């Protein structure tokens, strides 16, 4: 688009060139920031989300098993206390071994 004043043509070309340079500069800054973040993440010794989820599931399962075993120990202690309080002739240990 040719105007009657070449000054405005030059100004429009300079503005277009500046916008192109700024967009290139923006892309370069984003790439540098991405590299810095990747370097930081690698140095921070962080685990991937998948590994974290697996370990968390293992911890939840172990906690459930620990709670079940604690209940079983309490039941066995209660049975032992009841047997210890009963007369010796009436107290016979149970033969069945059930696993929870």
PDB file of N, CA and C in Angstrom:
ATOM      1  N   UNK A   1       0.842  -1.156   0.000  1.00  0.00           N
ATOM      2  CA  UNK A   1       0.000   0.000   0.000  1.00  0.00           C
ATOM      3  C   UNK A   1       0.894   1.229   0.000  1.00  0.00           C
ATOM      4  N   UNK A   2       0.851   1.951  -1.027  1.00  0.00           N
ATOM      5  CA  UNK A   2       1.684   3.135  -1.199  1.00  0.00           C
ATOM      6  C   UNK A   2       0.893   4.356  -0.759  1.00  0.00           C
ATOM      7  N   UNK A   3       1.449   5.082   0.171  1.00  0.00           N
ATOM      8  CA  UNK A   3       0.805   6.331   0.579  1.00  0.00           C
ATOM      9  C   UNK A   3       1.513   7.484  -0.115  1.00  0.00           C
ATOM     10  N   UNK A   4       0.994   8.643   0.079  1.00  0.00           N
ATOM     11  CA  UNK A   4       1.592   9.799  -0.562  1.00  0.00           C
ATOM     12  C   UNK A   4       2.813  10.279   0.192  1.00  0.00           C
ATOM     13  N   UNK A   5       2.958   9.836   1.420  1.00  0.00           N
ATOM     14  CA  UNK A   5       4.096  10.261   2.215  1.00  0.00           C
ATOM     15  C   UNK A   5       4.999   9.054   2.458  1.00  0.00           C
ATOM     16  N   UNK A   6       6.234   9.058   1.946  1.00  0.00           N
ATOM     17  CA  UNK A   6       7.136   7.920   2.155  1.00  0.00           C
ATOM     18  C   UNK A   6       7.520   7.726   3.622  1.00  0.00           C
ATOM     19  N   UNK A   7       7.376   8.734   4.427  1.00  0.00           N
ATOM     20  CA  UNK A   7       7.692   8.619   5.843  1.00  0.00           C
ATOM     21  C   UNK A   7       6.808   7.564   6.495  1.00  0.00           C
ATOM     22  N   UNK A   8       5.513   7.572   6.187  1.00  0.00           N
ATOM     23  CA  UNK A   8       4.598   6.598   6.768  1.00  0.00           C
ATOM     24  C   UNK A   8       4.877   5.190   6.245  1.00  0.00           C
ATOM     25  N   UNK A   9       5.289   5.083   4.993  1.00  0.00           N
ATOM     26  CA  UNK A   9       5.671   3.777   4.452  1.00  0.00           C
ATOM     27  C   UNK A   9       6.880   3.229   5.196  1.00  0.00           C
ATOM     28  N   UNK A  10       7.879   4.065   5.412  1.00  0.00           N
ATOM     29  CA  UNK A  10       9.066   3.633   6.157  1.00  0.00           C
ATOM     30  C   UNK A  10       8.703   3.276   7.597  1.00  0.00           C
ATOM     31  N   UNK A  11       7.845   4.061   8.187  1.00  0.00           N
ATOM     32  CA  UNK A  11       7.420   3.801   9.561  1.00  0.00           C
ATOM     33  C   UNK A  11       6.666   2.463   9.655  1.00  0.00           C
ATOM     34  N   UNK A  12       5.805   2.176   8.696  1.00  0.00           N
ATOM     35  CA  UNK A  12       5.075   0.910   8.679  1.00  0.00           C
ATOM     36  C   UNK A  12       6.022  -0.263   8.488  1.00  0.00           C
ATOM     37  N   UNK A  13       7.021  -0.120   7.616  1.00  0.00           N
ATOM     38  CA  UNK A  13       8.011  -1.192   7.410  1.00  0.00           C
ATOM     39  C   UNK A  13       8.828  -1.410   8.671  1.00  0.00           C
ATOM     40  N   UNK A  14       9.204  -0.353   9.352  1.00  0.00           N
ATOM     41  CA  UNK A  14       9.985  -0.485  10.590  1.00  0.00           C
ATOM     42  C   UNK A  14       9.146  -1.166  11.676  1.00  0.00           C
ATOM     43  N   UNK A  15       7.878  -0.802  11.764  1.00  0.00           N
ATOM     44  CA  UNK A  15       7.004  -1.421  12.761  1.00  0.00           C
ATOM     45  C   UNK A  15       6.835  -2.910  12.470  1.00  0.00           C
ATOM     46  N   UNK A  16       6.671  -3.270  11.221  1.00  0.00           N
ATOM     47  CA  UNK A  16       6.554  -4.683  10.851  1.00  0.00           C
ATOM     48  C   UNK A  16       7.826  -5.450  11.160  1.00  0.00           C
ATOM     49  N   UNK A  17       8.963  -4.833  10.860  1.00  0.00           N
ATOM     50  CA  UNK A  17      10.243  -5.483  11.175  1.00  0.00           C
ATOM     51  C   UNK A  17      10.451  -5.633  12.670  1.00  0.00           C
ATOM     52  N   UNK A  18      10.045  -4.619  13.432  1.00  0.00           N
ATOM     53  CA  UNK A  18      10.188  -4.683  14.886  1.00  0.00           C
ATOM     54  C   UNK A  18       9.302  -5.778  15.460  1.00  0.00           C
ATOM     55  N   UNK A  19       8.099  -5.927  14.932  1.00  0.00           N
ATOM     56  CA  UNK A  19       7.196  -6.977  15.419  1.00  0.00           C
ATOM     57  C   UNK A  19       7.768  -8.358  15.119  1.00  0.00           C
ATOM     58  N   UNK A  20       8.359  -8.524  13.947  1.00  0.00           N
ATOM     59  CA  UNK A  20       8.991  -9.805  13.616  1.00  0.00           C
ATOM     60  C   UNK A  20      10.167 -10.095  14.533  1.00  0.00           C
ATOM     61  N   UNK A  21      10.967  -9.076  14.827  1.00  0.00           N
ATOM     62  CA  UNK A  21      12.117  -9.254  15.719  1.00  0.00           C
ATOM     63  C   UNK A  21      11.645  -9.579  17.135  1.00  0.00           C
ATOM     64  N   UNK A  22      10.589  -8.923  17.581  1.00  0.00           N
ATOM     65  CA  UNK A  22      10.078  -9.181  18.930  1.00  0.00           C
ATOM     66  C   UNK A  22       9.499 -10.589  19.055  1.00  0.00           C
ATOM     67  N   UNK A  23       8.819 -11.049  18.015  1.00  0.00           N
ATOM     68  CA  UNK A  23       8.278 -12.407  18.089  1.00  0.00           C
ATOM     69  C   UNK A  23       9.410 -13.438  18.095  1.00  0.00           C
ATOM     70  N   UNK A  24      10.464 -13.187  17.348  1.00  0.00           N
ATOM     71  CA  UNK A  24      11.620 -14.083  17.381  1.00  0.00           C
ATOM     72  C   UNK A  24      12.302 -14.056  18.737  1.00  0.00           C
ATOM     73  N   UNK A  25      12.406 -12.855  19.310  1.00  0.00           N
ATOM     74  CA  UNK A  25      13.003 -12.706  20.631  1.00  0.00           C
ATOM     75  C   UNK A  25      12.164 -13.435  21.680  1.00  0.00           C
ATOM     76  N   UNK A  26      10.850 -13.337  21.559  1.00  0.00           N
ATOM     77  CA  UNK A  26       9.952 -14.018  22.491  1.00  0.00           C
ATOM     78  C   UNK A  26      10.154 -15.532  22.423  1.00  0.00           C
ATOM     79  N   UNK A  27      10.230 -16.082  21.216  1.00  0.00           N
ATOM     80  CA  UNK A  27      10.436 -17.523  21.060  1.00  0.00           C
ATOM     81  C   UNK A  27      11.773 -17.946  21.662  1.00  0.00           C
ATOM     82  N   UNK A  28      12.793 -17.110  21.492  1.00  0.00           N
ATOM     83  CA  UNK A  28      14.107 -17.432  22.029  1.00  0.00           C
ATOM     84  C   UNK A  28      14.095 -17.393  23.562  1.00  0.00           C
ATOM     85  N   UNK A  29      13.415 -16.416  24.129  1.00  0.00           N
ATOM     86  CA  UNK A  29      13.316 -16.327  25.590  1.00  0.00           C
ATOM     87  C   UNK A  29      12.546 -17.517  26.144  1.00  0.00           C
ATOM     88  N   UNK A  30      11.474 -17.920  25.482  1.00  0.00           N
ATOM     89  CA  UNK A  30      10.709 -19.090  25.937  1.00  0.00           C
ATOM     90  C   UNK A  30      11.563 -20.346  25.912  1.00  0.00           C
ATOM     91  N   UNK A  31      12.373 -20.496  24.863  1.00  0.00           N
ATOM     92  CA  UNK A  31      13.243 -21.671  24.778  1.00  0.00           C
ATOM     93  C   UNK A  31      14.276 -21.663  25.899  1.00  0.00           C
ATOM     94  N   UNK A  32      14.840 -20.501  26.201  1.00  0.00           N
ATOM     95  CA  UNK A  32      15.812 -20.408  27.291  1.00  0.00           C
ATOM     96  C   UNK A  32      15.161 -20.705  28.647  1.00  0.00           C
ATOM     97  N   UNK A  33      13.970 -20.195  28.848  1.00  0.00           N
ATOM     98  CA  UNK A  33      13.267 -20.467  30.103  1.00  0.00           C
ATOM     99  C   UNK A  33      12.942 -21.957  30.242  1.00  0.00           C
ATOM    100  N   UNK A  34      12.540 -22.575  29.153  1.00  0.00           N
ATOM    101  CA  UNK A  34      12.238 -24.004  29.171  1.00  0.00           C
ATOM    102  C   UNK A  34      13.494 -24.803  29.529  1.00  0.00           C
ATOM    103  N   UNK A  35      14.627 -24.418  28.948  1.00  0.00           N
ATOM    104  CA  UNK A  35      15.883 -25.107  29.254  1.00  0.00           C
ATOM    105  C   UNK A  35      16.256 -24.932  30.721  1.00  0.00           C
ATOM    106  N   UNK A  36      16.078 -23.727  31.253  1.00  0.00           N
ATOM    107  CA  UNK A  36      16.401 -23.481  32.657  1.00  0.00           C
ATOM    108  C   UNK A  36      15.498 -24.308  33.578  1.00  0.00           C
ATOM    109  N   UNK A  37      14.215 -24.387  33.243  1.00  0.00           N
ATOM    110  CA  UNK A  37      13.293 -25.175  34.063  1.00  0.00           C
ATOM    111  C   UNK A  37      13.649 -26.664  34.009  1.00  0.00           C
ATOM    112  N   UNK A  38      13.996 -27.168  32.840  1.00  0.00           N
ATOM    113  CA  UNK A  38      14.387 -28.572  32.723  1.00  0.00           C
ATOM    114  C   UNK A  38      15.650 -28.841  33.531  1.00  0.00           C
ATOM    115  N   UNK A  39      16.591 -27.915  33.491  1.00  0.00           N
ATOM    116  CA  UNK A  39      17.833 -28.066  34.253  1.00  0.00           C
ATOM    117  C   UNK A  39      17.529 -28.041  35.755  1.00  0.00           C
ATOM    118  N   UNK A  40      16.647 -27.150  36.164  1.00  0.00           N
ATOM    119  CA  UNK A  40      16.266 -27.073  37.577  1.00  0.00           C
ATOM    120  C   UNK A  40      15.574 -28.351  38.027  1.00  0.00           C
ATOM    121  N   UNK A  41      14.646 -28.856  37.214  1.00  0.00           N
ATOM    122  CA  UNK A  41      13.912 -30.074  37.566  1.00  0.00           C
ATOM    123  C   UNK A  41      14.854 -31.278  37.653  1.00  0.00           C
ATOM    124  N   UNK A  42      15.820 -31.327  36.767  1.00  0.00           N
ATOM    125  CA  UNK A  42      16.777 -32.437  36.804  1.00  0.00           C
ATOM    126  C   UNK A  42      17.654 -32.347  38.048  1.00  0.00           C
ATOM    127  N   UNK A  43      18.024 -31.138  38.422  1.00  0.00           N
ATOM    128  CA  UNK A  43      18.869 -30.953  39.593  1.00  0.00           C
ATOM    129  C   UNK A  43      18.110 -31.094  40.897  1.00  0.00           C
ATOM    130  N   UNK A  44      16.806 -30.931  40.877  1.00  0.00           N
ATOM    131  CA  UNK A  44      16.002 -31.003  42.093  1.00  0.00           C
ATOM    132  C   UNK A  44      15.722 -32.446  42.505  1.00  0.00           C
ATOM    133  N   UNK A  45      16.091 -33.401  41.691  1.00  0.00           N
ATOM    134  CA  UNK A  45      15.926 -34.827  41.996  1.00  0.00           C
ATOM    135  C   UNK A  45      14.464 -35.168  42.287  1.00  0.00           C
ATOM    136  N   UNK A  46      13.586 -34.725  41.408  1.00  0.00           N
ATOM    137  CA  UNK A  46      12.159 -35.003  41.550  1.00  0.00           C
ATOM    138  C   UNK A  46      11.816 -36.304  40.833  1.00  0.00           C
ATOM    139  N   UNK A  47      10.790 -36.975  41.361  1.00  0.00           N
ATOM    140  CA  UNK A  47      10.365 -38.230  40.753  1.00  0.00           C
ATOM    141  C   UNK A  47       9.203 -37.968  39.797  1.00  0.00           C
ATOM    142  N   UNK A  48       9.083 -38.779  38.781  1.00  0.00           N
ATOM    143  CA  UNK A  48       7.926 -38.638  37.885  1.00  0.00           C
ATOM    144  C   UNK A  48       6.631 -38.989  38.628  1.00  0.00           C
ATOM    145  N   UNK A  49       5.543 -38.467  38.180  1.00  0.00           N
ATOM    146  CA  UNK A  49       4.242 -38.674  38.827  1.00  0.00           C
ATOM    147  C   UNK A  49       3.874 -40.148  38.876  1.00  0.00           C
ATOM    148  N   UNK A  50       4.199 -40.895  37.812  1.00  0.00           N
ATOM    149  CA  UNK A  50       3.853 -42.313  37.783  1.00  0.00           C
ATOM    150  C   UNK A  50       4.542 -43.065  38.921  1.00  0.00           C
ATOM    151  N   UNK A  51       5.832 -42.775  39.149  1.00  0.00           N
ATOM    152  CA  UNK A  51       6.555 -43.446  40.232  1.00  0.00           C
ATOM    153  C   UNK A  51       5.959 -43.065  41.586  1.00  0.00           C
ATOM    154  N   UNK A  52       5.603 -41.804  41.737  1.00  0.00           N
ATOM    155  CA  UNK A  52       5.005 -41.352  42.983  1.00  0.00           C
ATOM    156  C   UNK A  52       3.697 -42.088  43.254  1.00  0.00           C
ATOM    157  N   UNK A  53       2.866 -42.239  42.226  1.00  0.00           N
ATOM    158  CA  UNK A  53       1.582 -42.924  42.382  1.00  0.00           C
ATOM    159  C   UNK A  53       1.791 -44.380  42.798  1.00  0.00           C
ATOM    160  N   UNK A  54       2.783 -45.057  42.196  1.00  0.00           N
ATOM    161  CA  UNK A  54       3.048 -46.457  42.528  1.00  0.00           C
ATOM    162  C   UNK A  54       3.473 -46.583  43.986  1.00  0.00           C
ATOM    163  N   UNK A  55       4.372 -45.720  44.438  1.00  0.00           N
ATOM    164  CA  UNK A  55       4.849 -45.788  45.819  1.00  0.00           C
ATOM    165  C   UNK A  55       3.723 -45.441  46.793  1.00  0.00           C
ATOM    166  N   UNK A  56       2.887 -44.491  46.418  1.00  0.00           N
ATOM    167  CA  UNK A  56       1.759 -44.125  47.279  1.00  0.00           C
ATOM    168  C   UNK A  56       0.795 -45.304  47.415  1.00  0.00           C
ATOM    169  N   UNK A  57       0.510 -45.990  46.310  1.00  0.00           N
ATOM    170  CA  UNK A  57      -0.372 -47.158  46.370  1.00  0.00           C
ATOM    171  C   UNK A  57       0.225 -48.258  47.241  1.00  0.00           C
ATOM    172  N   UNK A  58       1.540 -48.442  47.146  1.00  0.00           N
ATOM    173  CA  UNK A  58       2.200 -49.441  47.984  1.00  0.00           C
ATOM    174  C   UNK A  58       2.072 -49.062  49.466  1.00  0.00           C
ATOM    175  N   UNK A  59       2.214 -47.787  49.778  1.00  0.00           N
ATOM    176  CA  UNK A  59       2.110 -47.333  51.167  1.00  0.00           C
ATOM    177  C   UNK A  59       0.691 -47.527  51.697  1.00  0.00           C
ATOM    178  N   UNK A  60      -0.309 -47.238  50.873  1.00  0.00           N
ATOM    179  CA  UNK A  60      -1.703 -47.426  51.292  1.00  0.00           C
ATOM    180  C   UNK A  60      -1.962 -48.906  51.565  1.00  0.00           C
ATOM    181  N   UNK A  61      -1.459 -49.776  50.687  1.00  0.00           N
ATOM    182  CA  UNK A  61      -1.651 -51.218  50.875  1.00  0.00           C
ATOM    183  C   UNK A  61      -0.943 -51.700  52.140  1.00  0.00           C
ATOM    184  N   UNK A  62       0.274 -51.225  52.365  1.00  0.00           N
ATOM    185  CA  UNK A  62       1.022 -51.632  53.558  1.00  0.00           C
ATOM    186  C   UNK A  62       0.320 -51.151  54.819  1.00  0.00           C
ATOM    187  N   UNK A  63      -0.251 -49.951  54.770  1.00  0.00           N
ATOM    188  CA  UNK A  63      -0.969 -49.431  55.937  1.00  0.00           C
ATOM    189  C   UNK A  63      -2.196 -50.293  56.236  1.00  0.00           C
ATOM    190  N   UNK A  64      -2.912 -50.699  55.213  1.00  0.00           N
ATOM    191  CA  UNK A  64      -4.073 -51.569  55.410  1.00  0.00           C
ATOM    192  C   UNK A  64      -3.682 -52.901  56.018  1.00  0.00           C
ATOM    193  N   UNK A  65      -2.592 -53.470  55.515  1.00  0.00           N
ATOM    194  CA  UNK A  65      -2.123 -54.743  56.068  1.00  0.00           C
ATOM    195  C   UNK A  65      -1.673 -54.574  57.517  1.00  0.00           C
ATOM    196  N   UNK A  66      -1.030 -53.452  57.825  1.00  0.00           N
ATOM    197  CA  UNK A  66      -0.588 -53.199  59.196  1.00  0.00           C
ATOM    198  C   UNK A  66      -1.783 -53.071  60.129  1.00  0.00           C
ATOM    199  N   UNK A  67      -2.824 -52.383  59.698  1.00  0.00           N
ATOM    200  CA  UNK A  67      -4.022 -52.249  60.520  1.00  0.00           C
ATOM    201  C   UNK A  67      -4.677 -53.609  60.756  1.00  0.00           C
ATOM    202  N   UNK A  68      -4.737 -54.448  59.726  1.00  0.00           N
ATOM    203  CA  UNK A  68      -5.331 -55.781  59.867  1.00  0.00           C
ATOM    204  C   UNK A  68      -4.519 -56.631  60.843  1.00  0.00           C
ATOM    205  N   UNK A  69      -3.211 -56.548  60.743  1.00  0.00           N
ATOM    206  CA  UNK A  69      -2.363 -57.316  61.663  1.00  0.00           C
ATOM    207  C   UNK A  69      -2.492 -56.800  63.090  1.00  0.00           C
ATOM    208  N   UNK A  70      -2.636 -55.497  63.263  1.00  0.00           N
ATOM    209  CA  UNK A  70      -2.806 -54.937  64.608  1.00  0.00           C
ATOM    210  C   UNK A  70      -4.111 -55.437  65.219  1.00  0.00           C
ATOM    211  N   UNK A  71      -5.183 -55.481  64.415  1.00  0.00           N
ATOM    212  CA  UNK A  71      -6.457 -56.014  64.919  1.00  0.00           C
ATOM    213  C   UNK A  71      -6.313 -57.486  65.304  1.00  0.00           C
ATOM    214  N   UNK A  72      -5.597 -58.233  64.492  1.00  0.00           N
ATOM    215  CA  UNK A  72      -5.406 -59.665  64.769  1.00  0.00           C
ATOM    216  C   UNK A  72      -4.620 -59.867  66.063  1.00  0.00           C
ATOM    217  N   UNK A  73      -3.589 -59.067  66.273  1.00  0.00           N
ATOM    218  CA  UNK A  73      -2.799 -59.168  67.507  1.00  0.00           C
ATOM    219  C   UNK A  73      -3.677 -58.828  68.712  1.00  0.00           C
ATOM    220  N   UNK A  74      -4.509 -57.803  68.601  1.00  0.00           N
ATOM    221  CA  UNK A  74      -5.407 -57.447  69.706  1.00  0.00           C
ATOM    222  C   UNK A  74      -6.369 -58.592  70.010  1.00  0.00           C
ATOM    223  N   UNK A  75      -6.909 -59.224  68.971  1.00  0.00           N
ATOM    224  CA  UNK A  75      -7.815 -60.353  69.185  1.00  0.00           C
ATOM    225  C   UNK A  75      -7.093 -61.510  69.868  1.00  0.00           C
ATOM    226  N   UNK A  76      -5.878 -61.786  69.400  1.00  0.00           N
ATOM    227  CA  UNK A  76      -5.118 -62.889  70.002  1.00  0.00           C
ATOM    228  C   UNK A  76      -4.746 -62.582  71.446  1.00  0.00           C
ATOM    229  N   UNK A  77      -4.400 -61.331  71.730  1.00  0.00           N
ATOM    230  CA  UNK A  77      -4.084 -60.961  73.111  1.00  0.00           C
ATOM    231  C   UNK A  77      -5.317 -61.086  73.995  1.00  0.00           C
ATOM    232  N   UNK A  78      -6.480 -60.705  73.452  1.00  0.00           N
ATOM    233  CA  UNK A  78      -7.716 -60.838  74.228  1.00  0.00           C
ATOM    234  C   UNK A  78      -8.020 -62.311  74.492  1.00  0.00           C
ATOM    235  N   UNK A  79      -7.831 -63.161  73.489  1.00  0.00           N
ATOM    236  CA  UNK A  79      -8.056 -64.603  73.690  1.00  0.00           C
ATOM    237  C   UNK A  79      -7.077 -65.174  74.706  1.00  0.00           C
ATOM    238  N   UNK A  80      -5.832 -64.742  74.632  1.00  0.00           N
ATOM    239  CA  UNK A  80      -4.812 -65.215  75.568  1.00  0.00           C
ATOM    240  C   UNK A  80      -5.139 -64.770  76.983  1.00  0.00           C
ATOM    241  N   UNK A  81      -5.596 -63.536  77.121  1.00  0.00           N
ATOM    242  CA  UNK A  81      -5.966 -63.037  78.447  1.00  0.00           C
ATOM    243  C   UNK A  81      -7.161 -63.816  78.990  1.00  0.00           C
ATOM    244  N   UNK A  82      -8.125 -64.131  78.106  1.00  0.00           N
ATOM    245  CA  UNK A  82      -9.291 -64.904  78.544  1.00  0.00           C
ATOM    246  C   UNK A  82      -8.866 -66.307  78.945  1.00  0.00           C
ATOM    247  N   UNK A  83      -7.943 -66.900  78.200  1.00  0.00           N
ATOM    248  CA  UNK A  83      -7.469 -68.254  78.532  1.00  0.00           C
ATOM    249  C   UNK A  83      -6.652 -68.236  79.822  1.00  0.00           C
ATOM    250  N   UNK A  84      -5.905 -67.202  80.046  1.00  0.00           N
ATOM    251  CA  UNK A  84      -5.084 -67.124  81.257  1.00  0.00           C
ATOM    252  C   UNK A  84      -5.973 -66.952  82.487  1.00  0.00           C
ATOM    253  N   UNK A  85      -7.096 -66.322  82.348  1.00  0.00           N
ATOM    254  CA  UNK A  85      -8.020 -66.124  83.472  1.00  0.00           C
ATOM    255  C   UNK A  85      -8.897 -67.337  83.720  1.00  0.00           C
ATOM    256  N   UNK A  86      -9.036 -68.260  82.769  1.00  0.00           N
ATOM    257  CA  UNK A  86      -9.895 -69.442  82.917  1.00  0.00           C
ATOM    258  C   UNK A  86      -9.135 -70.528  83.668  1.00  0.00           C
ATOM    259  N   UNK A  87      -9.858 -71.487  84.255  1.00  0.00           N
ATOM    260  CA  UNK A  87      -9.189 -72.616  84.928  1.00  0.00           C
ATOM    261  C   UNK A  87      -8.347 -73.417  83.934  1.00  0.00           C
ATOM    262  N   UNK A  88      -7.286 -74.014  84.383  1.00  0.00           N
ATOM    263  CA  UNK A  88      -6.337 -74.714  83.527  1.00  0.00           C
ATOM    264  C   UNK A  88      -6.979 -75.892  82.804  1.00  0.00           C
ATOM    265  N   UNK A  89      -7.930 -76.611  83.415  1.00  0.00           N
ATOM    266  CA  UNK A  89      -8.556 -77.774  82.797  1.00  0.00           C
ATOM    267  C   UNK A  89      -9.472 -77.351  81.646  1.00  0.00           C
ATOM    268  N   UNK A  90     -10.108 -76.212  81.756  1.00  0.00           N
ATOM    269  CA  UNK A  90     -11.055 -75.777  80.732  1.00  0.00           C
ATOM    270  C   UNK A  90     -10.349 -75.095  79.564  1.00  0.00           C
ATOM    271  N   UNK A  91      -9.148 -74.637  79.773  1.00  0.00           N
ATOM    272  CA  UNK A  91      -8.445 -73.880  78.734  1.00  0.00           C
ATOM    273  C   UNK A  91      -7.656 -74.815  77.837  1.00  0.00           C
ATOM    274  N   UNK A  92      -8.110 -74.962  76.604  1.00  0.00           N
ATOM    275  CA  UNK A  92      -7.392 -75.744  75.610  1.00  0.00           C
ATOM    276  C   UNK A  92      -7.140 -74.820  74.421  1.00  0.00           C
ATOM    277  N   UNK A  93      -5.944 -74.837  73.906  1.00  0.00           N
ATOM    278  CA  UNK A  93      -5.670 -73.958  72.764  1.00  0.00           C
ATOM    279  C   UNK A  93      -6.446 -74.400  71.530  1.00  0.00           C
ATOM    280  N   UNK A  94      -6.881 -73.446  70.780  1.00  0.00           N
ATOM    281  CA  UNK A  94      -7.622 -73.740  69.549  1.00  0.00           C
ATOM    282  C   UNK A  94      -6.658 -74.258  68.501  1.00  0.00           C
ATOM    283  N   UNK A  95      -7.109 -75.251  67.720  1.00  0.00           N
ATOM    284  CA  UNK A  95      -6.249 -75.873  66.721  1.00  0.00           C
ATOM    285  C   UNK A  95      -6.376 -75.203  65.358  1.00  0.00           C
ATOM    286  N   UNK A  96      -7.458 -74.524  65.094  1.00  0.00           N
ATOM    287  CA  UNK A  96      -7.643 -73.961  63.764  1.00  0.00           C
ATOM    288  C   UNK A  96      -6.779 -72.715  63.605  1.00  0.00           C
ATOM    289  N   UNK A  97      -6.154 -72.612  62.459  1.00  0.00           N
ATOM    290  CA  UNK A  97      -5.325 -71.450  62.149  1.00  0.00           C
ATOM    291  C   UNK A  97      -5.908 -70.769  60.927  1.00  0.00           C
ATOM    292  N   UNK A  98      -6.638 -69.766  61.187  1.00  0.00           N
ATOM    293  CA  UNK A  98      -7.237 -69.009  60.091  1.00  0.00           C
ATOM    294  C   UNK A  98      -6.356 -67.806  59.793  1.00  0.00           C
ATOM    295  N   UNK A  99      -6.213 -67.552  58.524  1.00  0.00           N
ATOM    296  CA  UNK A  99      -5.473 -66.352  58.137  1.00  0.00           C
ATOM    297  C   UNK A  99      -6.478 -65.326  57.650  1.00  0.00           C
ATOM    298  N   UNK A 100      -6.255 -64.053  57.994  1.00  0.00           N
ATOM    299  CA  UNK A 100      -7.233 -63.027  57.601  1.00  0.00           C
ATOM    300  C   UNK A 100      -7.209 -62.765  56.126  1.00  0.00           C
TER     301      UNK A 100
END
